[in-house]
Protein backbone atom coordinates (compact mmCIF):
# COMPACT_ATOMS: atom_id res chain seq x y z
CA MET A 1 0.00 0.00 0.00
CA THR A 2 1.10 3.58 -0.65
CA ASP A 3 0.80 6.39 1.84
CA ALA A 4 -1.54 8.10 -0.60
CA ASP A 5 -3.94 5.13 -0.60
CA ILE A 6 -3.96 5.03 3.20
CA ARG A 7 -4.55 8.76 3.40
CA LYS A 8 -7.39 8.57 0.85
CA ALA A 9 -9.12 5.80 2.82
CA ALA A 10 -8.77 7.81 6.04
CA ASP A 11 -10.14 10.94 4.37
CA THR A 12 -13.07 8.99 2.93
CA LEU A 13 -14.11 7.68 6.36
CA PHE A 14 -13.53 11.03 8.07
CA ASP A 15 -15.58 12.91 5.47
CA ALA A 16 -18.44 10.41 5.84
CA GLU A 17 -18.57 11.01 9.57
CA GLN A 18 -18.40 14.77 9.25
CA SER A 19 -21.03 14.96 6.52
CA GLY A 20 -23.38 12.39 8.04
CA THR A 21 -23.47 10.53 4.73
CA PRO A 22 -22.15 6.94 4.68
CA CYS A 23 -19.46 6.20 2.14
CA PRO A 24 -18.73 3.17 -0.09
CA PRO A 25 -16.44 0.48 1.33
CA VAL A 26 -12.78 1.49 1.51
CA ARG A 27 -11.48 -2.04 0.85
CA GLY A 28 -11.00 -1.09 -2.81
CA LEU A 29 -8.30 1.32 -1.68
CA LEU A 30 -6.55 -1.28 0.49
CA THR A 31 -5.06 -4.65 -0.37
CA GLU A 32 -7.35 -7.52 0.56
CA GLY A 33 -6.33 -8.89 3.94
CA ASP A 34 -3.84 -6.08 4.60
CA VAL A 35 -4.83 -5.50 8.22
CA ALA A 36 -1.67 -3.52 8.96
CA SER A 37 -2.66 -0.88 6.40
CA ALA A 38 -6.19 -0.83 7.79
CA TYR A 39 -4.82 -0.06 11.26
CA ALA A 40 -2.69 2.67 9.67
CA VAL A 41 -5.90 4.23 8.34
CA GLN A 42 -7.45 3.95 11.80
CA ARG A 43 -4.43 5.65 13.41
CA LEU A 44 -4.53 8.57 10.98
CA ASN A 45 -8.10 9.42 11.94
CA ILE A 46 -7.44 8.96 15.66
CA GLU A 47 -4.41 11.26 15.37
CA ARG A 48 -6.62 13.79 13.59
CA ARG A 49 -9.02 13.70 16.55
CA LEU A 50 -6.16 14.09 19.03
CA ARG A 51 -4.90 17.17 17.18
CA ASP A 52 -8.40 18.60 17.56
CA GLY A 53 -8.12 18.25 21.35
CA HIS A 54 -9.81 14.89 21.91
CA ARG A 55 -8.46 12.28 24.32
CA VAL A 56 -8.09 8.48 24.16
CA VAL A 57 -9.55 6.83 27.29
CA GLY A 58 -9.32 3.16 26.35
CA ARG A 59 -9.91 0.52 23.71
CA LYS A 60 -12.71 -1.64 22.39
CA ILE A 61 -12.41 -5.20 21.19
CA GLY A 62 -14.48 -6.38 18.22
CA LEU A 63 -15.04 -9.65 16.39
CA THR A 64 -15.10 -11.72 19.58
CA SER A 65 -17.90 -13.92 18.27
CA SER A 66 -16.82 -17.06 16.41
CA ALA A 67 -19.82 -16.69 14.10
CA VAL A 68 -18.81 -13.15 13.10
CA GLN A 69 -15.18 -14.22 12.67
CA ALA A 70 -16.29 -17.00 10.33
CA GLN A 71 -18.43 -14.53 8.38
CA LEU A 72 -15.45 -12.23 7.78
CA GLY A 73 -12.94 -15.06 7.32
CA VAL A 74 -10.73 -14.17 10.29
CA ASP A 75 -9.47 -16.09 13.31
CA GLN A 76 -8.86 -13.29 15.80
CA PRO A 77 -10.56 -10.13 17.08
CA ASP A 78 -9.81 -6.53 16.14
CA PHE A 79 -9.62 -3.35 18.20
CA GLY A 80 -10.40 0.34 18.07
CA ALA A 81 -9.83 3.41 20.23
CA LEU A 82 -12.29 4.89 22.73
CA LEU A 83 -12.28 8.68 22.98
CA ALA A 84 -13.63 10.70 25.86
CA ASP A 85 -16.30 12.35 23.72
CA MET A 86 -17.69 8.91 22.82
CA ALA A 87 -18.88 8.34 26.42
CA VAL A 88 -22.61 8.67 27.14
CA PRO A 89 -23.75 8.73 30.79
CA ASP A 90 -25.78 5.83 32.13
CA GLY A 91 -29.40 6.63 31.36
CA GLY A 92 -28.43 9.33 28.89
CA THR A 93 -29.88 10.00 25.46
CA VAL A 94 -28.07 9.89 22.12
CA PRO A 95 -29.07 12.99 20.11
CA ALA A 96 -30.80 12.50 16.78
CA GLY A 97 -28.28 12.55 13.95
CA ARG A 98 -25.30 11.90 16.23
CA LEU A 99 -24.58 8.55 14.51
CA LEU A 100 -25.12 7.22 11.00
CA GLN A 101 -26.25 3.58 11.36
CA PRO A 102 -26.22 2.74 15.07
CA LYS A 103 -26.58 -0.71 16.60
CA VAL A 104 -26.36 -1.67 20.27
CA GLU A 105 -24.58 -4.54 21.99
CA ALA A 106 -24.05 -5.42 25.65
CA GLU A 107 -20.55 -6.00 27.00
CA VAL A 108 -18.39 -6.28 30.08
CA ALA A 109 -16.14 -3.26 30.61
CA LEU A 110 -12.88 -3.50 32.55
CA VAL A 111 -11.14 -0.49 34.09
CA LEU A 112 -7.41 -0.90 34.69
CA GLY A 113 -5.59 0.01 37.88
CA ARG A 114 -2.13 -0.58 36.42
CA ASP A 115 -0.30 -0.81 33.08
CA LEU A 116 -0.15 -4.01 31.00
CA PRO A 117 3.15 -3.64 29.08
CA TYR A 118 3.90 -7.30 28.26
CA PRO A 119 3.65 -8.69 24.70
CA GLN A 120 2.79 -12.09 26.19
CA THR A 121 0.33 -11.01 28.85
CA THR A 122 -1.12 -13.73 31.09
CA VAL A 123 -4.65 -13.92 32.44
CA ALA A 124 -3.21 -13.61 35.95
CA GLU A 125 -1.60 -10.31 34.98
CA VAL A 126 -4.88 -9.05 33.56
CA ILE A 127 -6.72 -10.00 36.77
CA GLN A 128 -4.07 -8.20 38.83
CA ALA A 129 -4.30 -5.12 36.61
CA VAL A 130 -8.10 -4.80 36.56
CA ASP A 131 -9.41 -2.37 39.18
CA PHE A 132 -13.09 -3.22 38.60
CA ALA A 133 -15.67 -4.36 36.07
CA LEU A 134 -18.82 -2.60 34.88
CA PRO A 135 -21.79 -3.46 32.68
CA ALA A 136 -21.55 -1.59 29.40
CA LEU A 137 -23.39 -0.82 26.20
CA GLU A 138 -21.41 -0.27 23.04
CA ILE A 139 -23.25 1.67 20.37
CA VAL A 140 -21.47 0.56 17.24
CA ASP A 141 -21.68 2.53 14.03
CA SER A 142 -20.34 2.27 10.51
CA ARG A 143 -19.32 5.09 8.24
CA ILE A 144 -19.70 2.59 5.38
CA ALA A 145 -23.09 2.47 3.66
CA GLY A 146 -25.32 -0.44 4.57
CA TRP A 147 -22.73 -1.98 6.90
CA ASP A 148 -21.16 -3.51 3.77
CA ILE A 149 -17.91 -4.29 5.54
CA SER A 150 -14.98 -6.65 5.26
CA LEU A 151 -12.25 -7.02 7.91
CA VAL A 152 -10.15 -4.20 6.47
CA ASP A 153 -13.22 -1.94 6.27
CA THR A 154 -14.12 -2.33 9.93
CA VAL A 155 -10.52 -2.09 11.17
CA ALA A 156 -9.94 1.08 9.14
CA ASP A 157 -13.22 2.47 10.50
CA ASN A 158 -11.96 2.30 14.12
CA ALA A 159 -13.49 -1.18 14.51
CA SER A 160 -16.93 0.30 13.74
CA SER A 161 -16.89 2.32 16.96
CA GLY A 162 -19.60 4.81 17.80
CA LEU A 163 -20.36 5.57 21.44
CA PHE A 164 -20.30 3.70 24.74
CA VAL A 165 -22.18 3.71 28.04
CA LEU A 166 -20.81 2.45 31.36
CA GLY A 167 -22.73 1.40 34.44
CA THR A 168 -21.97 3.25 37.65
CA ALA A 169 -21.56 0.51 40.30
CA PRO A 170 -18.00 -0.93 40.14
CA VAL A 171 -17.65 -4.67 40.82
CA PRO A 172 -14.31 -6.25 41.78
CA LEU A 173 -13.32 -9.39 39.87
CA THR A 174 -13.27 -11.29 43.16
CA SER A 175 -17.06 -10.89 43.29
CA VAL A 176 -17.99 -12.19 39.82
CA ASP A 177 -17.05 -14.98 37.39
CA LEU A 178 -17.11 -13.21 34.04
CA ARG A 179 -17.33 -16.48 32.09
CA THR A 180 -20.68 -17.38 33.66
CA VAL A 181 -22.46 -14.03 33.65
CA ARG A 182 -25.75 -13.97 31.76
CA MET A 183 -26.80 -11.00 29.65
CA THR A 184 -30.17 -9.78 28.44
CA LEU A 185 -30.46 -6.73 26.19
CA LEU A 186 -33.87 -5.06 26.07
CA ARG A 187 -35.19 -2.58 23.52
CA ASP A 188 -38.46 -0.84 24.39
CA GLY A 189 -38.67 -3.24 27.34
CA GLU A 190 -38.54 -6.37 25.16
CA PRO A 191 -35.58 -8.79 24.98
CA VAL A 192 -33.69 -8.51 21.69
CA SER A 193 -30.38 -10.22 22.55
CA GLU A 194 -29.14 -12.75 25.08
CA GLY A 195 -25.80 -14.35 25.82
CA THR A 196 -23.20 -15.28 28.40
CA GLY A 197 -19.63 -14.41 29.23
CA ARG A 198 -18.49 -17.52 27.39
CA ASP A 199 -19.88 -16.05 24.16
CA CYS A 200 -17.03 -13.50 24.23
CA LEU A 201 -13.90 -15.53 23.33
CA ASP A 202 -14.88 -18.05 26.03
CA GLY A 203 -14.68 -15.27 28.61
CA PRO A 204 -14.06 -11.50 28.63
CA LEU A 205 -10.70 -11.96 30.37
CA ASN A 206 -9.46 -13.94 27.35
CA ALA A 207 -10.41 -11.00 25.15
CA ALA A 208 -8.52 -8.64 27.45
CA VAL A 209 -5.43 -10.89 27.35
CA TRP A 210 -5.49 -10.79 23.54
CA LEU A 211 -5.83 -7.01 23.48
CA ALA A 212 -3.13 -6.38 26.09
CA SER A 213 -0.67 -8.67 24.31
CA THR A 214 -1.43 -7.25 20.87
CA LEU A 215 -1.09 -3.60 21.91
CA ALA A 216 2.09 -4.22 23.90
CA ALA A 217 3.66 -5.95 20.90
CA MET A 218 2.77 -2.87 18.83
CA GLY A 219 4.46 -0.58 21.33
CA ASP A 220 1.23 1.06 22.50
CA PRO A 221 0.25 -0.88 25.66
CA LEU A 222 -2.81 -0.55 27.82
CA ARG A 223 -2.27 1.91 30.67
CA GLU A 224 -3.56 2.51 34.18
CA GLY A 225 -7.03 4.07 33.98
CA ASP A 226 -7.84 2.68 30.55
CA ILE A 227 -11.36 1.45 29.84
CA VAL A 228 -11.53 -1.84 27.95
CA LEU A 229 -14.76 -2.89 26.24
CA THR A 230 -14.20 -6.63 26.00
CA GLY A 231 -16.67 -7.53 23.24
CA ALA A 232 -20.31 -8.38 22.73
CA LEU A 233 -21.98 -11.05 24.87
CA GLY A 234 -24.73 -11.54 22.28
CA PRO A 235 -26.02 -10.34 18.92
CA MET A 236 -26.25 -6.60 18.28
CA ALA A 237 -29.63 -4.90 17.89
CA VAL A 238 -30.52 -2.07 15.52
CA ALA A 239 -31.15 1.23 17.31
CA ALA A 240 -34.35 3.01 16.34
CA PRO A 241 -35.08 6.70 17.04
CA GLY A 242 -37.04 7.07 20.25
CA SER A 243 -36.15 3.63 21.60
CA PRO A 244 -34.68 3.00 25.07
CA PHE A 245 -32.19 0.17 25.63
CA GLU A 246 -31.23 -1.61 28.83
CA ALA A 247 -28.64 -4.32 29.40
CA ARG A 248 -28.84 -6.56 32.45
CA ILE A 249 -25.74 -8.62 33.24
CA SER A 250 -25.87 -10.98 36.20
CA GLY A 251 -23.35 -10.12 38.87
CA LEU A 252 -22.69 -6.69 37.35
CA GLY A 253 -26.07 -4.97 37.26
CA GLY A 254 -27.66 -2.88 34.54
CA VAL A 255 -26.92 0.01 32.20
CA ARG A 256 -29.30 2.08 30.09
CA VAL A 257 -29.37 4.46 27.14
CA GLY A 258 -32.02 6.08 24.99
CA PHE A 259 -32.16 7.41 21.44
CA ALA A 260 -33.87 10.72 20.76
CA PRO A 261 -36.78 10.83 18.31
CA ALA A 262 -35.90 11.45 14.68
CA ALA A 263 -34.77 14.99 13.95
CA SER A 264 -36.90 17.35 11.96
CA PRO A 265 -35.44 18.77 8.73
CA GLY A 266 -32.95 21.51 9.56
CA ASP A 267 -32.32 20.35 13.14
CA VAL A 268 -28.70 20.39 14.30
CA PRO A 269 -27.52 17.58 16.61
CA ALA A 270 -26.73 18.92 20.10
CA ASP A 271 -23.10 17.83 19.88
CA LYS A 272 -22.65 19.71 16.58
CA GLU A 273 -24.24 23.00 17.66
CA ASN A 274 -21.01 24.35 19.13
CA GLU A 275 -19.14 23.59 15.92
CA ARG A 276 -21.08 26.20 14.00
């Protein structure tokens, strides 16, 4: 891949987000299976956000489901960056027009109390590093029209990140077995997704081990205070304007978010008003 191709893919995704209009897949600009170049695209857009004053607060893990891996022809997860402005408070509302094609999934979040700098991180080291766990909702989004994505598309697109919501009652790992937790995701009060901790790489701690090892090997390790979204515990659900969501995870509690009704023509999303 040339630097120009990587820059063009990054610009395409960035422009789609800024305009609110999804773009065609960027895989035509990248070599099939070239995950390294896809991460280079991802880094360019994260660096652009950092120059604008935003702040990385953690990472998300994607593709933790074996079914999704098989669909995309991969045998390992991917990751993206979490920025501070992507956080939505528990019980908060996502403004109309804030995202392009949002979907919701329930996850276990880990908050680190120490660095994880080892390229061959062990599960014991992850357990020692985790300060506490929280129930979480990840609101995934795709800048690519119709979610027509391959592996390189989603990696380049910051692992299809959108927003995230954390619960507010920290739980130490000594109080919960993350492999056996049971999750129910409700939309408008009705169950739309169910799963267990084992549905996330046979346990969220396994996902965290993979992420810690991968990032350390890349020279950008997880740090004290980082939030880690460990991956979906069940299928994602499409977010509809006006719908509330709630995830209930045994041993961790619940977390909620709502979506504002559809915007009227000419409305400006609340988060964009200050950019005028």
